[in-house]
Each structure stands twice: as structure tokens, then as C-alpha cells.
N, C-alpha and C. Protein backbone atom coordinates (compact mmCIF):
# COMPACT_ATOMS: atom_id res chain seq x y z
N MET A 1 104.98 -4.20 -16.25
CA MET A 1 104.34 -5.38 -15.72
C MET A 1 104.92 -6.66 -16.29
N GLU A 2 105.21 -6.65 -17.58
CA GLU A 2 105.76 -7.86 -18.19
C GLU A 2 107.15 -8.17 -17.65
N LYS A 3 107.94 -7.12 -17.42
CA LYS A 3 109.29 -7.33 -16.86
C LYS A 3 109.21 -7.95 -15.48
N GLN A 4 108.29 -7.46 -14.67
CA GLN A 4 108.15 -7.97 -13.31
C GLN A 4 107.70 -9.44 -13.34
N ALA A 5 106.77 -9.77 -14.20
CA ALA A 5 106.30 -11.15 -14.30
C ALA A 5 107.42 -12.06 -14.76
N LYS A 6 108.20 -11.58 -15.73
CA LYS A 6 109.31 -12.38 -16.23
C LYS A 6 110.35 -12.59 -15.13
N ARG A 7 110.62 -11.55 -14.36
CA ARG A 7 111.60 -11.65 -13.27
C ARG A 7 111.12 -12.64 -12.20
N GLU A 8 109.86 -12.55 -11.83
CA GLU A 8 109.31 -13.46 -10.82
C GLU A 8 109.33 -14.90 -11.32
N ARG A 9 109.04 -15.12 -12.59
CA ARG A 9 109.08 -16.47 -13.16
C ARG A 9 110.49 -17.03 -13.11
N LYS A 10 111.47 -16.17 -13.45
CA LYS A 10 112.87 -16.60 -13.43
C LYS A 10 113.30 -16.97 -12.01
N LEU A 11 112.92 -16.14 -11.03
CA LEU A 11 113.27 -16.42 -9.64
C LEU A 11 112.64 -17.72 -9.16
N ALA A 12 111.41 -17.97 -9.57
CA ALA A 12 110.73 -19.21 -9.18
C ALA A 12 111.43 -20.42 -9.79
N GLU A 13 111.88 -20.31 -11.03
CA GLU A 13 112.60 -21.42 -11.67
C GLU A 13 113.92 -21.68 -10.96
N LYS A 14 114.64 -20.63 -10.59
CA LYS A 14 115.90 -20.80 -9.88
C LYS A 14 115.68 -21.46 -8.52
N LYS A 15 114.63 -21.02 -7.83
CA LYS A 15 114.33 -21.59 -6.52
C LYS A 15 113.99 -23.07 -6.63
N ALA A 16 113.20 -23.43 -7.63
CA ALA A 16 112.83 -24.84 -7.82
C ALA A 16 114.06 -25.67 -8.14
N LYS A 17 114.94 -25.14 -8.96
CA LYS A 17 116.15 -25.86 -9.32
C LYS A 17 117.04 -26.06 -8.10
N ARG A 18 117.17 -25.02 -7.28
CA ARG A 18 118.00 -25.10 -6.08
C ARG A 18 117.43 -26.11 -5.10
N LEU A 19 116.10 -26.09 -4.91
CA LEU A 19 115.48 -27.04 -4.00
C LEU A 19 115.64 -28.47 -4.48
N ALA A 20 115.54 -28.69 -5.78
CA ALA A 20 115.73 -30.03 -6.33
C ALA A 20 117.16 -30.50 -6.09
N LYS A 21 118.10 -29.60 -6.24
CA LYS A 21 119.50 -29.94 -6.03
C LYS A 21 119.77 -30.26 -4.57
N GLU A 22 119.21 -29.48 -3.65
CA GLU A 22 119.40 -29.73 -2.22
C GLU A 22 118.74 -31.03 -1.80
N GLY A 23 117.63 -31.37 -2.38
CA GLY A 23 116.95 -32.62 -2.06
C GLY A 23 117.80 -33.82 -2.40
N ALA A 24 118.52 -33.76 -3.50
CA ALA A 24 119.41 -34.85 -3.89
C ALA A 24 120.56 -34.98 -2.90
N LYS A 25 121.07 -33.89 -2.42
CA LYS A 25 122.16 -33.93 -1.45
C LYS A 25 121.70 -34.52 -0.13
N LYS A 26 120.51 -34.19 0.30
CA LYS A 26 120.01 -34.70 1.56
C LYS A 26 119.85 -36.21 1.52
N GLU A 27 119.41 -36.76 0.40
CA GLU A 27 119.26 -38.20 0.26
C GLU A 27 120.61 -38.89 0.35
N ASP A 28 121.65 -38.30 -0.24
CA ASP A 28 122.98 -38.89 -0.19
C ASP A 28 123.52 -38.89 1.23
N ASP A 29 123.25 -37.85 1.98
CA ASP A 29 123.74 -37.76 3.34
C ASP A 29 123.13 -38.84 4.22
N LYS A 30 121.89 -39.18 3.99
CA LYS A 30 121.23 -40.19 4.80
C LYS A 30 121.89 -41.56 4.62
N GLU A 31 122.38 -41.85 3.44
CA GLU A 31 123.00 -43.14 3.18
C GLU A 31 124.35 -43.27 3.87
N LYS A 32 125.06 -42.19 4.08
CA LYS A 32 126.40 -42.22 4.63
C LYS A 32 126.43 -42.28 6.15
N VAL A 33 125.31 -42.07 6.81
CA VAL A 33 125.26 -42.07 8.26
C VAL A 33 125.44 -43.49 8.79
N LEU A 34 126.30 -43.65 9.77
CA LEU A 34 126.55 -44.95 10.38
C LEU A 34 125.54 -45.20 11.50
N ASP A 35 125.21 -46.46 11.68
CA ASP A 35 124.31 -46.84 12.76
C ASP A 35 125.11 -46.92 14.05
N ALA A 36 124.72 -46.16 15.05
CA ALA A 36 125.47 -46.09 16.30
C ALA A 36 125.35 -47.38 17.11
N SER A 37 124.33 -48.17 16.87
CA SER A 37 124.14 -49.38 17.66
C SER A 37 125.02 -50.54 17.17
N LYS A 38 125.58 -50.43 15.96
CA LYS A 38 126.44 -51.49 15.43
C LYS A 38 127.91 -51.19 15.73
N PRO A 39 128.66 -52.20 16.13
CA PRO A 39 130.10 -51.97 16.36
C PRO A 39 130.85 -51.83 15.03
N ILE A 40 131.88 -51.04 15.03
CA ILE A 40 132.71 -50.86 13.84
C ILE A 40 133.81 -51.92 13.87
N THR A 41 133.84 -52.77 12.85
CA THR A 41 134.83 -53.84 12.79
C THR A 41 135.84 -53.56 11.69
N LEU A 42 136.94 -54.27 11.71
CA LEU A 42 137.95 -54.11 10.69
C LEU A 42 137.40 -54.50 9.32
N ASP A 43 136.57 -55.53 9.28
CA ASP A 43 135.97 -55.96 8.03
C ASP A 43 135.07 -54.85 7.46
N PHE A 44 134.35 -54.18 8.31
CA PHE A 44 133.48 -53.10 7.87
C PHE A 44 134.30 -51.96 7.26
N LEU A 45 135.43 -51.66 7.83
CA LEU A 45 136.27 -50.56 7.33
C LEU A 45 137.00 -50.90 6.04
N THR A 46 137.37 -52.18 5.86
CA THR A 46 138.22 -52.54 4.73
C THR A 46 137.49 -53.24 3.58
N ASN A 47 136.21 -53.58 3.76
CA ASN A 47 135.48 -54.32 2.73
C ASN A 47 135.10 -53.37 1.60
N PRO A 48 135.64 -53.56 0.40
CA PRO A 48 135.33 -52.68 -0.72
C PRO A 48 133.94 -52.92 -1.30
N ASN A 49 133.32 -54.05 -1.01
CA ASN A 49 132.01 -54.40 -1.57
C ASN A 49 130.87 -54.06 -0.62
N LYS A 50 131.12 -53.25 0.37
CA LYS A 50 130.05 -52.93 1.32
C LYS A 50 129.03 -52.01 0.65
N LYS A 51 127.82 -52.04 1.19
CA LYS A 51 126.73 -51.23 0.64
C LYS A 51 126.37 -50.11 1.55
């Protein structure tokens, strides 16, 4: 019984860690998406200080 509980606890920790890691990736992806309604200009492509 103790082995099974320990195994389940370990699996839960791994799952939580993986979900936390995936959540961070999803937030980064949202920032990189371009707005389709805005035209792409040369200044937009070459400006190093863009946000």
C-alpha cells in the first residue's frame, strides 16, 4: 500500500509540473500571434524595439 501511494504521489507531482510547463508555453504563443486586421509594414518587420 505504501508503494502504491508513493507511486501515485510521484505521478501527480510529474503531472502538475508538466501542466505548469505547458501553461507557460501557451502564454508565450499568445504573444507571438499577429493581428490579421493590421497591415504588415516594413517598419513593423525591421523595428528592433517593437513589443
